[in-house]
Amino acid sequence: MSSSIRRSVPSATLTRLAQAIAVAVSAILAGCQSTGQMPQSDTAKPKNVAARAKQKPVWLSEKPTPQVPQDIWERMRQGFQLQETAGVNPRIEQQRLWFASNPSFLEGAGERGSLYMHYIVERLEERNMPLELALLPVIESAYNPMAYSRANAVGLWQFIPSTGRYFNLRQTRFYDGRRDITASTTAAMDYLTRLHDMFNGDWLLALAAYNAGEGTVSRAIERNEKLGLPTDYWNLPLPAETQAYVPKLLALSQVVLAPDAYGVNLNPIANEPYFQVVEINQRMDLSKVAAVANIDEDELFQLNPAFKQRTTIDGPQHLLVPTSKAQLLTASLSTMRPEELISQHSLKPVFETADDSEVEGIRRSYRVKRGDNLAQIAKANNVQTKDLQRWNKLSGNKLKVGQTLVMQDAKATKATGKRINTVVAANSKGQKQQQTQYKVQQGDSLYVVAKRFNVEMQHLKRWNPRMGKALKPGQMLTVYSPH
């Protein structure tokens, strides 16, 4: 009996174990069914997690947006491309020492250039050109648009007359495209790009050619090739001025990179346009425009220095004005009569009928600035110092800051002089006409003369059948206009 009892205990235990297992399995199955009735978002969660794990986050695939410089100097530094060509070079070190010893030079050029630098940097960036080139006007003209050299080079970029004409910078008695801020900047970049291509992408050779001419650099390269010598810029036998020209630019860019290290204080220049182009469709005096738009007259002339007589004659049909004043000027021009924008002296004919004495010609004025002297003013305006003294009744050479000097074109004399002579005659229909004998000047073209006298080029050709295809200085032209 005891043995049977021992066998029955495990059997009962097993039975209860089997029942417990069955209950547990049923609970598990019931639990699985109930989870199928949970909200879809909970059941989909593992799938979404897996999907997100496979998908690359958007923010990881995007590069952080670089911070836009607030200062044009910093923007310029970010676009420097020529620093690798510098290395350790005694010629660069010599020029860098000069800039460090004369900090006022760069500081002054920076102040003058604050009107133009943003425009120049933007044009260079558009062409992917080295932004060191924005410092080239510091070397060329100290950022003075009125700069004038012994070689008759003019403007920020110092174009000589022939090169200026080649790059479509017109030069007349009233307008000089070499002084035009936007036109000369375009011409300079076109020229530098052409030189860069000519010398197989070598910016140092291109810069040397900008200074000395492509012929000079090409001949130096040919000479070294024949002698088996290196033909890079640093080894070419170039003129002394050109030997120093490229090192000046490289040294200057190094000073701009770290001005504090060289004791130079570069005042910040806002990284925003200083001026805006305002279209015009009539002749006007800059002094009148300045008054209308509440712009400082000298500042307006610094933005539009190509108008040599401060009157919009012979030039483009637009003005550069400070951005903050552009809207006011545009609104004012739309409501003003043309005569309100022209001074009385500008209403006189461009060329007046001459008698036996010197004619007045076109009068213009100049306000004396700090550092000016009589000889410099005379040279910049292509007049004689003695004439400047006579026109302003000056007994000596002393000038006062803010003093206004008047000047006029002393070359406009009667035909005995012999630039121009005007008579009134009747044509075949009995209509009175003004007949003018005009002496062609350096830089004149058929277009310029026709525009100056407000006549058609085809008429000018008909009146002068023997004048040839190209005008020559000294040639006399006959011009008719209604009297």
Protein backbone atom coordinates (compact mmCIF):
# COMPACT_ATOMS: atom_id res chain seq x y z
CA MET A 1 0.00 0.00 0.00
CA SER A 2 2.80 2.32 0.86
CA SER A 3 4.39 1.81 -2.54
CA SER A 4 1.16 2.61 -4.31
CA ILE A 5 0.84 5.76 -2.26
CA ARG A 6 4.38 6.84 -3.29
CA ARG A 7 3.52 6.32 -6.97
CA SER A 8 0.28 8.31 -6.67
CA VAL A 9 1.91 11.44 -5.21
CA PRO A 10 4.03 12.27 -8.23
CA SER A 11 1.09 11.54 -10.48
CA ALA A 12 -1.10 14.05 -8.63
CA THR A 13 1.70 16.56 -8.62
CA LEU A 14 2.22 16.17 -12.32
CA THR A 15 -1.47 16.62 -12.90
CA ARG A 16 -1.51 19.91 -10.98
CA LEU A 17 1.64 21.09 -12.82
CA ALA A 18 0.06 20.35 -16.16
CA GLN A 19 -3.04 22.34 -15.17
CA ALA A 20 -0.88 25.30 -14.09
CA ILE A 21 1.00 25.24 -17.36
CA ALA A 22 -2.28 25.17 -19.27
CA VAL A 23 -3.56 28.19 -17.33
CA ALA A 24 -0.29 30.10 -17.97
CA VAL A 25 -0.39 29.34 -21.68
CA SER A 26 -4.00 30.51 -21.84
CA ALA A 27 -3.06 33.77 -20.08
CA ILE A 28 -0.22 34.35 -22.49
CA LEU A 29 -2.48 33.76 -25.48
CA ALA A 30 -5.12 36.06 -24.06
CA GLY A 31 -2.48 38.72 -23.50
CA CYS A 32 -1.34 38.46 -27.14
CA GLN A 33 -4.90 38.93 -28.34
CA SER A 34 -5.42 41.97 -26.13
CA THR A 35 -2.28 43.67 -27.43
CA GLY A 36 -3.69 43.46 -30.92
CA GLN A 37 -6.44 45.81 -29.79
CA MET A 38 -4.00 48.60 -28.56
CA PRO A 39 -3.76 51.95 -30.38
CA GLN A 40 -1.96 51.71 -33.71
CA SER A 41 0.69 54.26 -32.70
CA ASP A 42 1.92 51.97 -29.92
CA THR A 43 2.12 48.92 -32.14
CA ALA A 44 3.83 50.90 -34.91
CA LYS A 45 6.39 52.36 -32.56
CA PRO A 46 9.03 49.63 -33.03
CA LYS A 47 8.71 49.98 -36.82
CA ASN A 48 9.04 53.80 -36.68
CA VAL A 49 12.08 53.54 -34.45
CA ALA A 50 13.67 51.21 -36.94
CA ALA A 51 12.73 53.51 -39.82
CA ARG A 52 14.21 56.51 -38.06
CA ALA A 53 17.37 54.58 -37.33
CA LYS A 54 17.83 53.89 -41.04
CA GLN A 55 16.97 57.47 -42.20
CA LYS A 56 19.83 59.97 -42.01
CA PRO A 57 18.82 63.06 -40.00
CA VAL A 58 18.42 66.14 -42.20
CA TRP A 59 20.54 68.33 -39.95
CA LEU A 60 23.50 65.99 -40.30
CA SER A 61 23.48 66.30 -44.12
CA GLU A 62 23.53 70.13 -44.13
CA LYS A 63 26.65 72.21 -43.63
CA PRO A 64 26.38 74.94 -41.04
CA THR A 65 25.61 78.32 -42.63
CA PRO A 66 28.75 80.49 -42.46
CA GLN A 67 28.29 83.77 -40.66
CA VAL A 68 28.20 86.74 -43.04
CA PRO A 69 31.00 89.21 -42.16
CA GLN A 70 29.77 92.57 -40.92
CA ASP A 71 33.01 94.26 -42.00
CA ILE A 72 34.16 94.46 -45.62
CA TRP A 73 37.77 93.99 -44.48
CA GLU A 74 36.85 90.58 -43.03
CA ARG A 75 34.94 89.62 -46.17
CA MET A 76 37.99 90.58 -48.18
CA ARG A 77 40.27 88.41 -46.02
CA GLN A 78 38.04 85.39 -46.55
CA GLY A 79 38.47 85.75 -50.32
CA PHE A 80 42.27 86.08 -50.44
CA GLN A 81 43.77 83.58 -52.92
CA LEU A 82 47.37 84.72 -53.44
CA GLN A 83 48.87 84.08 -50.02
CA GLU A 84 50.34 80.71 -50.98
CA THR A 85 52.40 82.41 -53.67
CA ALA A 86 54.06 84.73 -51.14
CA GLY A 87 56.14 82.53 -48.86
CA VAL A 88 59.21 84.06 -47.22
CA ASN A 89 60.47 86.68 -49.64
CA PRO A 90 62.76 89.63 -48.86
CA ARG A 91 61.05 91.79 -51.48
CA ILE A 92 57.71 91.29 -49.76
CA GLU A 93 59.22 91.83 -46.32
CA GLN A 94 60.73 95.13 -47.44
CA GLN A 95 57.34 96.41 -48.62
CA ARG A 96 55.57 95.11 -45.52
CA LEU A 97 58.04 97.02 -43.36
CA TRP A 98 57.19 100.21 -45.26
CA PHE A 99 53.43 99.79 -44.66
CA ALA A 100 54.07 99.04 -40.97
CA SER A 101 56.23 102.18 -40.73
CA ASN A 102 53.62 104.32 -42.49
CA PRO A 103 50.27 103.19 -41.05
CA SER A 104 48.53 106.43 -41.99
CA PHE A 105 48.88 105.59 -45.69
CA LEU A 106 46.65 102.51 -45.54
CA GLU A 107 44.34 104.09 -42.97
CA GLY A 108 43.77 107.11 -45.23
CA ALA A 109 43.28 104.97 -48.33
CA GLY A 110 40.78 102.87 -46.40
CA GLU A 111 38.77 105.95 -45.46
CA ARG A 112 38.62 107.12 -49.08
CA GLY A 113 37.91 103.61 -50.32
CA SER A 114 35.00 103.10 -47.93
CA LEU A 115 32.71 104.50 -50.63
CA TYR A 116 33.81 101.97 -53.25
CA MET A 117 35.16 98.80 -51.59
CA HIS A 118 31.88 96.92 -51.21
CA TYR A 119 31.10 97.43 -54.90
CA ILE A 120 34.57 96.28 -55.98
CA VAL A 121 34.58 93.22 -53.68
CA GLU A 122 31.19 92.12 -55.02
CA ARG A 123 32.30 92.44 -58.65
CA LEU A 124 35.47 90.44 -57.90
CA GLU A 125 33.49 87.70 -56.16
CA GLU A 126 31.13 87.45 -59.13
CA ARG A 127 34.12 86.58 -61.31
CA ASN A 128 35.82 84.41 -58.67
CA MET A 129 38.87 86.67 -58.77
CA PRO A 130 41.26 87.01 -55.79
CA LEU A 131 39.96 89.59 -53.35
CA GLU A 132 43.52 90.87 -52.91
CA LEU A 133 42.71 92.75 -56.13
CA ALA A 134 40.35 94.98 -54.13
CA LEU A 135 43.58 96.41 -52.65
CA LEU A 136 45.05 97.23 -56.05
CA PRO A 137 43.54 100.75 -56.04
CA VAL A 138 45.43 101.34 -52.79
CA ILE A 139 48.67 100.73 -54.71
CA GLU A 140 47.55 102.53 -57.85
CA SER A 141 45.79 105.64 -56.54
CA ALA A 142 45.44 105.37 -52.73
CA TYR A 143 41.73 105.00 -53.56
CA ASN A 144 41.55 108.57 -54.87
CA PRO A 145 39.39 108.71 -58.04
CA MET A 146 40.96 112.05 -58.93
CA ALA A 147 44.53 110.69 -58.85
CA TYR A 148 46.64 111.75 -61.83
CA SER A 149 50.11 110.39 -62.67
CA ARG A 150 53.05 111.69 -64.69
CA ALA A 151 52.14 109.14 -67.38
CA ASN A 152 48.68 110.76 -67.68
CA ALA A 153 47.07 107.79 -65.90
CA VAL A 154 43.80 108.69 -64.20
CA GLY A 155 41.30 107.29 -61.71
CA LEU A 156 41.12 104.54 -59.09
CA TRP A 157 42.67 102.00 -61.48
CA GLN A 158 45.06 104.45 -63.22
CA PHE A 159 44.25 103.88 -66.89
CA ILE A 160 46.35 105.74 -69.42
CA PRO A 161 44.34 107.28 -72.30
CA SER A 162 45.02 104.60 -74.91
CA THR A 163 44.29 101.63 -72.63
CA GLY A 164 41.20 103.40 -71.35
CA ARG A 165 39.86 103.85 -74.88
CA TYR A 166 40.64 100.21 -75.68
CA PHE A 167 38.37 99.17 -72.81
CA ASN A 168 35.59 101.59 -73.86
CA LEU A 169 36.34 104.32 -71.33
CA ARG A 170 35.39 107.44 -73.29
CA GLN A 171 37.36 110.60 -72.64
CA THR A 172 35.97 113.99 -73.61
CA ARG A 173 36.20 117.51 -72.31
CA PHE A 174 33.24 116.90 -70.00
CA TYR A 175 33.46 113.21 -69.14
CA ASP A 176 36.36 110.85 -68.44
CA GLY A 177 35.39 107.19 -68.17
CA ARG A 178 38.70 106.45 -66.45
CA ARG A 179 37.30 108.28 -63.42
CA ASP A 180 33.92 106.56 -63.62
CA ILE A 181 33.72 104.26 -60.57
CA THR A 182 31.63 101.49 -62.10
CA ALA A 183 32.89 101.72 -65.71
CA SER A 184 36.57 101.80 -64.75
CA THR A 185 36.11 98.91 -62.30
CA THR A 186 34.57 96.79 -65.05
CA ALA A 187 37.38 97.77 -67.43
CA ALA A 188 40.06 96.93 -64.85
CA MET A 189 38.59 93.50 -64.20
CA ASP A 190 38.24 92.84 -67.92
CA TYR A 191 41.88 93.81 -68.40
CA LEU A 192 43.13 91.72 -65.46
CA THR A 193 41.09 88.72 -66.63
CA ARG A 194 42.56 89.04 -70.11
CA LEU A 195 46.10 89.20 -68.70
CA HIS A 196 45.41 86.23 -66.40
CA ASP A 197 44.36 84.16 -69.42
CA MET A 198 47.28 85.43 -71.50
CA PHE A 199 49.81 84.27 -68.89
CA ASN A 200 48.26 80.83 -68.35
CA GLY A 201 46.47 81.56 -65.11
CA ASP A 202 49.44 83.14 -63.32
CA TRP A 203 48.10 86.07 -61.30
CA LEU A 204 51.55 87.41 -60.44
CA LEU A 205 52.49 87.70 -64.11
CA ALA A 206 49.09 89.24 -64.84
CA LEU A 207 49.66 91.88 -62.17
CA ALA A 208 53.15 92.60 -63.48
CA ALA A 209 51.68 93.08 -66.96
CA TYR A 210 48.98 95.39 -65.56
CA ASN A 211 51.80 97.60 -64.31
CA ALA A 212 54.39 97.32 -67.08
CA GLY A 213 52.33 96.15 -70.07
CA GLU A 214 51.96 92.66 -71.50
CA GLY A 215 54.71 93.30 -74.06
CA THR A 216 57.32 94.04 -71.38
CA VAL A 217 56.48 90.89 -69.42
CA SER A 218 56.31 88.71 -72.54
CA ARG A 219 59.73 89.87 -73.71
CA ALA A 220 61.21 89.18 -70.25
CA ILE A 221 59.79 85.64 -70.35
CA GLU A 222 61.21 85.04 -73.85
CA ARG A 223 64.63 86.25 -72.71
CA ASN A 224 64.70 83.86 -69.75
CA GLU A 225 63.50 80.98 -71.90
CA LYS A 226 66.39 81.50 -74.31
CA LEU A 227 68.86 81.56 -71.42
CA GLY A 228 67.33 78.51 -69.79
CA LEU A 229 66.30 80.53 -66.73
CA PRO A 230 63.06 80.29 -64.72
CA THR A 231 60.15 82.27 -66.17
CA ASP A 232 58.14 82.91 -63.02
CA TYR A 233 57.56 86.48 -61.84
CA TRP A 234 60.29 86.43 -59.17
CA ASN A 235 63.03 85.58 -61.69
CA LEU A 236 62.12 87.92 -64.55
CA PRO A 237 64.29 90.96 -65.39
CA LEU A 238 61.52 93.56 -65.11
CA PRO A 239 61.67 97.34 -64.55
CA ALA A 240 62.35 98.41 -60.97
CA GLU A 241 58.80 99.72 -60.49
CA THR A 242 57.35 96.38 -61.58
CA GLN A 243 59.86 94.51 -59.41
CA ALA A 244 58.27 96.24 -56.43
CA TYR A 245 54.66 96.31 -57.69
CA VAL A 246 53.59 92.72 -56.96
CA PRO A 247 55.44 92.56 -53.61
CA LYS A 248 53.58 95.73 -52.59
CA LEU A 249 50.22 94.10 -53.18
CA LEU A 250 51.20 90.87 -51.41
CA ALA A 251 52.68 92.76 -48.47
CA LEU A 252 49.63 95.00 -48.24
CA SER A 253 47.31 91.97 -48.17
CA GLN A 254 49.38 90.48 -45.33
CA VAL A 255 49.01 93.70 -43.35
CA VAL A 256 45.25 93.63 -43.95
CA LEU A 257 45.17 90.01 -42.72
CA ALA A 258 46.62 91.06 -39.34
CA PRO A 259 46.54 94.87 -39.05
CA ASP A 260 47.02 94.89 -35.27
CA ALA A 261 50.28 92.99 -35.63
CA TYR A 262 51.65 95.83 -37.78
CA GLY A 263 50.24 98.74 -35.78
CA VAL A 264 47.64 99.65 -38.42
CA ASN A 265 44.14 100.72 -37.39
CA LEU A 266 41.62 99.79 -40.08
CA ASN A 267 38.29 101.38 -39.28
CA PRO A 268 35.41 98.96 -39.96
CA ILE A 269 33.60 99.41 -43.27
CA ALA A 270 30.03 98.12 -43.36
CA ASN A 271 29.59 95.08 -45.57
CA GLU A 272 26.70 96.65 -47.47
CA PRO A 273 26.33 98.77 -50.62
CA TYR A 274 27.37 102.36 -50.05
CA PHE A 275 25.81 103.72 -53.22
CA GLN A 276 22.93 102.99 -55.55
CA VAL A 277 22.45 103.76 -59.25
CA VAL A 278 19.72 106.31 -60.03
CA GLU A 279 18.67 106.68 -63.65
CA ILE A 280 18.45 110.19 -65.11
CA ASN A 281 17.16 111.40 -68.46
CA GLN A 282 18.21 115.02 -68.53
CA ARG A 283 21.20 117.26 -68.08
CA MET A 284 21.75 118.39 -64.50
CA ASP A 285 24.36 119.95 -62.23
CA LEU A 286 25.69 117.85 -59.39
CA SER A 287 25.41 120.81 -57.01
CA LYS A 288 21.66 121.03 -57.72
CA VAL A 289 21.23 117.28 -57.34
CA ALA A 290 23.06 117.38 -54.02
CA ALA A 291 20.78 120.13 -52.73
CA VAL A 292 17.62 118.33 -53.84
CA ALA A 293 18.55 115.04 -52.16
CA ASN A 294 20.32 116.57 -49.12
CA ILE A 295 23.64 114.98 -50.14
CA ASP A 296 27.02 116.53 -49.39
CA GLU A 297 28.16 118.03 -52.68
CA ASP A 298 31.74 116.80 -52.39
CA GLU A 299 30.53 113.29 -51.54
CA LEU A 300 28.30 113.25 -54.62
CA PHE A 301 31.25 114.33 -56.75
CA GLN A 302 33.43 111.62 -55.21
CA LEU A 303 30.84 109.10 -56.37
CA ASN A 304 30.57 110.68 -59.83
CA PRO A 305 34.07 112.06 -60.53
CA ALA A 306 33.88 111.25 -64.25
CA PHE A 307 31.76 114.37 -64.83
CA LYS A 308 34.71 116.73 -65.02
CA GLN A 309 32.61 119.90 -65.05
CA ARG A 310 30.23 118.58 -62.36
CA THR A 311 27.51 118.55 -65.01
CA THR A 312 26.05 115.40 -66.56
CA ILE A 313 27.28 115.98 -70.10
CA ASP A 314 28.69 113.27 -72.40
CA GLY A 315 28.42 110.59 -69.72
CA PRO A 316 26.05 107.73 -68.86
CA GLN A 317 22.43 108.45 -68.06
CA HIS A 318 22.71 107.63 -64.38
CA LEU A 319 24.22 108.89 -61.14
CA LEU A 320 25.69 107.07 -58.16
CA VAL A 321 24.15 108.35 -54.94
CA PRO A 322 24.39 107.19 -51.31
CA THR A 323 21.94 104.33 -50.77
CA SER A 324 20.17 106.18 -47.97
CA LYS A 325 19.36 109.09 -50.33
CA ALA A 326 18.43 107.20 -53.52
CA GLN A 327 14.70 107.03 -52.83
CA LEU A 328 14.48 110.71 -51.94
CA LEU A 329 16.35 111.71 -55.11
CA THR A 330 14.19 109.51 -57.35
CA ALA A 331 11.02 110.99 -55.88
CA SER A 332 12.34 114.57 -56.19
CA LEU A 333 13.43 114.17 -59.83
CA SER A 334 9.95 113.01 -60.81
CA THR A 335 8.40 116.27 -59.63
CA MET A 336 11.00 118.84 -60.68
CA ARG A 337 11.24 120.83 -63.88
CA PRO A 338 14.47 120.37 -65.92
CA GLU A 339 15.51 124.01 -65.48
CA GLU A 340 15.48 123.60 -61.71
CA LEU A 341 18.38 121.14 -61.98
CA ILE A 342 20.68 123.33 -64.08
CA SER A 343 22.72 126.27 -62.81
CA GLN A 344 22.62 129.52 -64.74
CA HIS A 345 26.23 129.28 -65.91
CA SER A 346 25.50 125.81 -67.29
CA LEU A 347 22.74 127.18 -69.49
CA LYS A 348 25.38 128.81 -71.69
CA PRO A 349 26.29 127.00 -74.94
CA VAL A 350 29.02 124.43 -74.60
CA PHE A 351 31.15 126.48 -76.99
CA GLU A 352 30.53 130.19 -77.28
CA THR A 353 31.13 132.43 -80.31
CA ALA A 354 34.63 133.80 -79.95
CA ASP A 355 35.98 137.25 -80.50
CA ASP A 356 39.65 138.24 -80.63
CA SER A 357 40.09 137.68 -76.88
CA GLU A 358 40.08 134.57 -74.80
CA VAL A 359 36.56 133.24 -74.29
CA GLU A 360 35.22 132.19 -70.95
CA GLY A 361 34.56 128.58 -71.92
CA ILE A 362 32.93 126.35 -69.31
CA ARG A 363 33.46 127.51 -65.77
CA ARG A 364 33.77 125.01 -62.94
CA SER A 365 34.59 125.20 -59.27
CA TYR A 366 36.67 123.28 -56.75
CA ARG A 367 36.44 123.29 -52.97
CA VAL A 368 39.85 123.21 -51.27
CA LYS A 369 40.44 120.23 -48.98
CA ARG A 370 42.98 119.67 -46.24
CA GLY A 371 46.42 118.94 -47.74
CA ASP A 372 45.67 120.58 -51.11
CA ASN A 373 48.08 123.02 -52.73
CA LEU A 374 47.71 125.19 -55.80
CA ALA A 375 50.08 123.17 -58.00
CA GLN A 376 48.30 119.90 -57.27
CA ILE A 377 44.88 121.39 -57.98
CA ALA A 378 46.11 122.90 -61.23
CA LYS A 379 47.65 119.60 -62.36
CA ALA A 380 44.56 117.55 -61.46
CA ASN A 381 42.36 119.91 -63.49
CA ASN A 382 44.78 120.21 -66.41
CA VAL A 383 45.25 123.97 -66.06
CA GLN A 384 48.22 126.23 -65.37
CA THR A 385 48.96 127.43 -61.84
CA LYS A 386 49.30 131.03 -63.06
CA ASP A 387 45.85 130.81 -64.69
CA LEU A 388 44.37 129.48 -61.47
CA GLN A 389 45.88 132.46 -59.65
CA ARG A 390 44.56 134.89 -62.25
CA TRP A 391 41.01 133.49 -62.30
CA ASN A 392 40.82 133.66 -58.52
CA LYS A 393 42.81 136.90 -58.06
CA LEU A 394 45.41 135.16 -55.89
CA SER A 395 48.68 136.98 -55.28
CA GLY A 396 50.42 133.96 -53.76
CA ASN A 397 49.99 130.22 -53.25
CA LYS A 398 48.21 130.19 -49.90
CA LEU A 399 44.85 128.41 -49.74
CA LYS A 400 42.27 127.89 -47.00
CA VAL A 401 40.37 124.67 -46.36
CA GLY A 402 36.83 125.12 -47.69
CA GLN A 403 37.83 127.90 -50.09
CA THR A 404 36.16 127.67 -53.50
CA LEU A 405 38.32 128.11 -56.59
CA VAL A 406 36.88 128.83 -60.02
CA MET A 407 38.54 127.70 -63.22
CA GLN A 408 37.79 127.62 -66.90
CA ASP A 409 39.05 126.07 -70.09
CA ALA A 410 41.66 128.50 -71.37
CA LYS A 411 42.10 126.47 -74.57
CA ALA A 412 38.79 127.59 -76.06
CA THR A 413 40.00 130.48 -78.22
CA LYS A 414 39.02 131.96 -81.51
CA ALA A 415 40.10 130.20 -84.69
CA THR A 416 43.39 132.05 -84.48
CA GLY A 417 43.83 129.97 -81.34
CA LYS A 418 42.55 127.73 -83.11
CA ARG A 419 39.95 125.57 -81.60
CA ILE A 420 36.58 126.90 -82.63
CA ASN A 421 35.04 129.71 -84.70
CA THR A 422 31.33 130.27 -85.15
CA VAL A 423 29.44 132.32 -87.72
CA VAL A 424 25.75 132.63 -88.58
CA ALA A 425 24.74 132.03 -92.20
CA ALA A 426 21.65 131.15 -94.21
CA ASN A 427 21.19 127.83 -95.99
CA SER A 428 19.70 127.34 -99.46
CA LYS A 429 16.16 127.62 -98.05
CA GLY A 430 16.89 130.92 -96.37
CA GLN A 431 16.93 129.39 -92.89
CA LYS A 432 19.53 130.75 -90.50
CA GLN A 433 22.13 128.23 -89.41
CA GLN A 434 25.11 128.43 -87.09
CA GLN A 435 28.26 127.23 -88.82
CA THR A 436 31.03 126.11 -86.52
CA GLN A 437 34.63 125.24 -87.35
CA TYR A 438 35.75 122.76 -84.72
CA LYS A 439 39.33 121.60 -84.19
CA VAL A 440 39.52 117.90 -83.26
CA GLN A 441 41.16 117.25 -79.88
CA GLN A 442 42.99 114.24 -78.52
CA GLY A 443 40.45 111.53 -77.62
CA ASP A 444 37.67 112.86 -79.86
CA SER A 445 35.63 110.48 -81.99
CA LEU A 446 32.86 111.02 -84.52
CA TYR A 447 30.33 109.95 -81.90
CA VAL A 448 31.73 112.32 -79.29
CA VAL A 449 31.74 115.34 -81.63
CA ALA A 450 28.23 114.58 -82.90
CA LYS A 451 26.91 114.27 -79.36
CA ARG A 452 28.74 117.41 -78.24
CA PHE A 453 26.99 119.50 -80.90
CA ASN A 454 23.73 117.52 -80.69
CA VAL A 455 23.77 116.53 -84.35
CA GLU A 456 23.53 113.22 -86.22
CA MET A 457 26.75 111.43 -87.15
CA GLN A 458 25.51 110.95 -90.70
CA HIS A 459 25.09 114.71 -91.04
CA LEU A 460 28.58 115.27 -89.67
CA LYS A 461 29.92 112.92 -92.36
CA ARG A 462 27.92 114.69 -95.07
CA TRP A 463 29.22 118.10 -93.98
CA ASN A 464 32.81 116.81 -93.96
CA PRO A 465 33.16 114.41 -96.92
CA ARG A 466 36.99 114.40 -96.76
CA MET A 467 37.41 113.77 -93.06
CA GLY A 468 38.29 110.05 -93.47
CA LYS A 469 37.29 107.08 -91.35
CA ALA A 470 39.11 108.14 -88.18
CA LEU A 471 39.48 111.61 -86.70
CA LYS A 472 42.94 113.03 -86.09
CA PRO A 473 43.89 115.69 -83.52
CA GLY A 474 44.14 119.08 -85.22
CA GLN A 475 41.70 118.19 -87.99
CA MET A 476 39.05 120.88 -88.66
CA LEU A 477 35.38 119.90 -88.91
CA THR A 478 32.43 121.96 -90.09
CA VAL A 479 29.27 121.66 -88.01
CA TYR A 480 25.86 123.23 -88.76
CA SER A 481 23.12 123.78 -86.23
CA PRO A 482 19.88 125.82 -86.24
CA HIS A 483 20.36 129.39 -85.05
